[in-house]
C-alpha atoms as a PDB file:
ATOM      1  CA  GLN A   1      26.228  88.222  -7.896  1.00  0.00           C
ATOM      2  CA  VAL A   2      29.231  89.843  -9.572  1.00  0.00           C
ATOM      3  CA  GLN A   3      28.997  93.547 -10.249  1.00  0.00           C
ATOM      4  CA  LEU A   4      31.436  95.423 -12.461  1.00  0.00           C
ATOM      5  CA  VAL A   5      31.689  99.205 -12.517  1.00  0.00           C
ATOM      6  CA  GLU A   6      33.750 100.976 -15.173  1.00  0.00           C
ATOM      7  CA  SER A   7      35.154 104.465 -14.907  1.00  0.00           C
ATOM      8  CA  GLY A   8      37.662 106.677 -16.655  1.00  0.00           C
ATOM      9  CA  GLY A   9      36.038 107.225 -20.024  1.00  0.00           C
ATOM     10  CA  GLY A  10      35.647 110.627 -21.601  1.00  0.00           C
ATOM     11  CA  LEU A  11      36.947 112.839 -24.358  1.00  0.00           C
ATOM     12  CA  ALA A  12      40.523 112.687 -25.583  1.00  0.00           C
ATOM     13  CA  ARG A  13      42.426 114.298 -28.431  1.00  0.00           C
ATOM     14  CA  PRO A  14      43.991 112.148 -31.125  1.00  0.00           C
ATOM     15  CA  GLY A  15      47.351 111.027 -29.789  1.00  0.00           C
ATOM     16  CA  GLY A  16      46.167 111.433 -26.223  1.00  0.00           C
ATOM     17  CA  SER A  17      45.675 108.955 -23.408  1.00  0.00           C
ATOM     18  CA  LEU A  18      42.945 107.678 -21.141  1.00  0.00           C
ATOM     19  CA  ARG A  19      42.894 105.070 -18.406  1.00  0.00           C
ATOM     20  CA  LEU A  20      39.846 102.926 -17.828  1.00  0.00           C
ATOM     21  CA  SER A  21      39.182 101.110 -14.568  1.00  0.00           C
ATOM     22  CA  CYS A  22      36.823  98.264 -13.762  1.00  0.00           C
ATOM     23  CA  ALA A  23      36.129  97.490 -10.137  1.00  0.00           C
ATOM     24  CA  ALA A  24      34.479  94.216  -9.182  1.00  0.00           C
ATOM     25  CA  SER A  25      32.239  93.604  -6.213  1.00  0.00           C
ATOM     26  CA  GLY A  26      29.561  91.257  -5.006  1.00  0.00           C
ATOM     27  CA  GLY A  27      28.781  89.158  -2.012  1.00  0.00           C
ATOM     28  CA  ILE A  28      30.191  85.994  -3.475  1.00  0.00           C
ATOM     29  CA  TYR A  29      32.779  87.588  -5.710  1.00  0.00           C
ATOM     30  CA  SER A  30      36.200  86.088  -5.606  1.00  0.00           C
ATOM     31  CA  LEU A  31      38.964  86.368  -8.136  1.00  0.00           C
ATOM     32  CA  ALA A  32      39.451  82.648  -7.689  1.00  0.00           C
ATOM     33  CA  ILE A  33      36.308  82.014  -9.741  1.00  0.00           C
ATOM     34  CA  ILE A  34      37.332  84.328 -12.562  1.00  0.00           C
ATOM     35  CA  ASN A  35      39.158  82.771 -15.510  1.00  0.00           C
ATOM     36  CA  VAL A  36      39.510  85.771 -17.787  1.00  0.00           C
ATOM     37  CA  MET A  37      39.117  89.521 -17.368  1.00  0.00           C
ATOM     38  CA  GLY A  38      38.890  91.742 -20.375  1.00  0.00           C
ATOM     39  CA  TRP A  39      37.794  94.846 -22.178  1.00  0.00           C
ATOM     40  CA  TYR A  40      35.485  95.000 -25.195  1.00  0.00           C
ATOM     41  CA  ARG A  41      34.214  97.912 -27.223  1.00  0.00           C
ATOM     42  CA  GLN A  42      31.179  98.611 -29.318  1.00  0.00           C
ATOM     43  CA  THR A  43      30.080 101.295 -31.745  1.00  0.00           C
ATOM     44  CA  PRO A  44      26.466 101.862 -32.832  1.00  0.00           C
ATOM     45  CA  GLY A  45      25.160  99.191 -35.153  1.00  0.00           C
ATOM     46  CA  LYS A  46      28.213  96.977 -34.771  1.00  0.00           C
ATOM     47  CA  GLN A  47      29.058  93.946 -32.706  1.00  0.00           C
ATOM     48  CA  ARG A  48      30.970  94.136 -29.483  1.00  0.00           C
ATOM     49  CA  ASP A  49      34.638  93.466 -30.201  1.00  0.00           C
ATOM     50  CA  LEU A  50      37.383  92.221 -27.942  1.00  0.00           C
ATOM     51  CA  VAL A  51      40.073  94.759 -27.093  1.00  0.00           C
ATOM     52  CA  ALA A  52      42.267  93.023 -24.517  1.00  0.00           C
ATOM     53  CA  THR A  53      42.162  90.139 -22.056  1.00  0.00           C
ATOM     54  CA  ILE A  54      44.167  88.927 -19.092  1.00  0.00           C
ATOM     55  CA  THR A  55      43.783  85.442 -17.672  1.00  0.00           C
ATOM     56  CA  GLN A  56      44.085  84.341 -14.083  1.00  0.00           C
ATOM     57  CA  ASP A  57      47.632  83.142 -14.734  1.00  0.00           C
ATOM     58  CA  GLY A  58      48.548  86.474 -16.301  1.00  0.00           C
ATOM     59  CA  THR A  59      48.406  85.626 -19.990  1.00  0.00           C
ATOM     60  CA  ILE A  60      47.586  88.752 -21.993  1.00  0.00           C
ATOM     61  CA  ALA A  61      46.132  89.147 -25.461  1.00  0.00           C
ATOM     62  CA  TYR A  62      45.293  92.216 -27.537  1.00  0.00           C
ATOM     63  CA  ALA A  63      43.324  92.940 -30.661  1.00  0.00           C
ATOM     64  CA  ASP A  64      45.694  93.763 -33.515  1.00  0.00           C
ATOM     65  CA  SER A  65      44.216  97.239 -33.773  1.00  0.00           C
ATOM     66  CA  VAL A  66      45.400  98.218 -30.284  1.00  0.00           C
ATOM     67  CA  LYS A  67      48.695  96.349 -29.966  1.00  0.00           C
ATOM     68  CA  GLY A  68      51.486  98.637 -28.871  1.00  0.00           C
ATOM     69  CA  ARG A  69      49.051 101.360 -27.821  1.00  0.00           C
ATOM     70  CA  PHE A  70      46.866  99.811 -25.124  1.00  0.00           C
ATOM     71  CA  THR A  71      47.940  98.002 -21.968  1.00  0.00           C
ATOM     72  CA  ILE A  72      45.744  95.818 -19.778  1.00  0.00           C
ATOM     73  CA  SER A  73      46.675  95.242 -16.155  1.00  0.00           C
ATOM     74  CA  ARG A  74      45.065  94.301 -12.859  1.00  0.00           C
ATOM     75  CA  ASP A  75      45.317  94.897  -9.157  1.00  0.00           C
ATOM     76  CA  SER A  76      44.069  91.735  -7.503  1.00  0.00           C
ATOM     77  CA  ALA A  77      43.967  93.303  -4.044  1.00  0.00           C
ATOM     78  CA  LYS A  78      41.618  95.987  -5.340  1.00  0.00           C
ATOM     79  CA  LYS A  79      39.707  93.557  -7.587  1.00  0.00           C
ATOM     80  CA  THR A  80      40.264  96.017 -10.387  1.00  0.00           C
ATOM     81  CA  VAL A  81      41.345  95.660 -13.986  1.00  0.00           C
ATOM     82  CA  TYR A  82      42.695  98.603 -15.974  1.00  0.00           C
ATOM     83  CA  LEU A  83      43.052  99.558 -19.605  1.00  0.00           C
ATOM     84  CA  GLN A  84      45.705 102.177 -20.298  1.00  0.00           C
ATOM     85  CA  MET A  85      45.040 103.645 -23.719  1.00  0.00           C
ATOM     86  CA  SER A  86      47.701 105.724 -25.435  1.00  0.00           C
ATOM     87  CA  SER A  87      48.194 107.165 -28.915  1.00  0.00           C
ATOM     88  CA  LEU A  88      44.442 107.265 -29.225  1.00  0.00           C
ATOM     89  CA  LYS A  89      42.860 107.451 -32.653  1.00  0.00           C
ATOM     90  CA  PRO A  90      39.380 108.600 -33.708  1.00  0.00           C
ATOM     91  CA  GLU A  91      38.583 104.989 -34.586  1.00  0.00           C
ATOM     92  CA  ASP A  92      39.036 104.073 -30.918  1.00  0.00           C
ATOM     93  CA  THR A  93      35.818 105.953 -30.214  1.00  0.00           C
ATOM     94  CA  ALA A  94      33.335 103.477 -28.718  1.00  0.00           C
ATOM     95  CA  VAL A  95      31.589 102.380 -25.580  1.00  0.00           C
ATOM     96  CA  TYR A  96      34.055 100.249 -23.645  1.00  0.00           C
ATOM     97  CA  TYR A  97      32.784  97.347 -21.562  1.00  0.00           C
ATOM     98  CA  CYS A  98      34.515  95.410 -18.837  1.00  0.00           C
ATOM     99  CA  ASN A  99      33.999  91.645 -18.864  1.00  0.00           C
ATOM    100  CA  HIS A 100      34.758  88.874 -16.420  1.00  0.00           C
ATOM    101  CA  ARG A 101      34.272  85.251 -17.369  1.00  0.00           C
ATOM    102  CA  ASP A 102      34.287  82.613 -14.665  1.00  0.00           C
ATOM    103  CA  PHE A 103      35.468  79.039 -14.953  1.00  0.00           C
ATOM    104  CA  GLY A 104      31.872  77.970 -15.579  1.00  0.00           C
ATOM    105  CA  GLY A 105      31.757  80.101 -18.709  1.00  0.00           C
ATOM    106  CA  ASN A 106      29.441  82.704 -17.214  1.00  0.00           C
ATOM    107  CA  ASP A 107      29.970  86.252 -18.425  1.00  0.00           C
ATOM    108  CA  TYR A 108      29.631  89.355 -16.270  1.00  0.00           C
ATOM    109  CA  TRP A 109      29.484  92.787 -17.864  1.00  0.00           C
ATOM    110  CA  GLY A 110      29.827  96.326 -16.680  1.00  0.00           C
ATOM    111  CA  GLN A 111      27.487  99.096 -17.778  1.00  0.00           C
ATOM    112  CA  GLY A 112      29.985 100.541 -20.250  1.00  0.00           C
ATOM    113  CA  THR A 113      31.887 103.803 -20.412  1.00  0.00           C
ATOM    114  CA  GLN A 114      32.028 106.114 -23.428  1.00  0.00           C
ATOM    115  CA  VAL A 115      35.390 106.943 -24.955  1.00  0.00           C
ATOM    116  CA  THR A 116      35.423 109.669 -27.599  1.00  0.00           C
ATOM    117  CA  VAL A 117      38.570 110.588 -29.501  1.00  0.00           C
ATOM    118  CA  SER A 118      38.182 113.822 -31.391  1.00  0.00           C
ATOM    119  CA  SER A 119      40.003 117.042 -32.086  1.00  0.00           C
END
């Protein structure tokens, strides 16, 4: 069973920065089974939207709304994926979820971490 635990959310001022982390664990967890790692976000009453993804071979993709401001990265040794968020805007306020998708198409989700951008 794959378990994902996010951390690093909180309150930031507009223009500020936050760094989210997502650590993976589980008895059978191996990065070799994971095809894509990513971050999604969701606000009340809306669907969960993709923010950024990184594939096993290192291909990265971003939502247009965060390009140039957010950076996704990973530390394979620590089984951790990061989301560095800079130049934050109030519209970035959301619950951010970590996602891993394995080569079988199975999705694993973290519990979510709240990010609030407000002056």
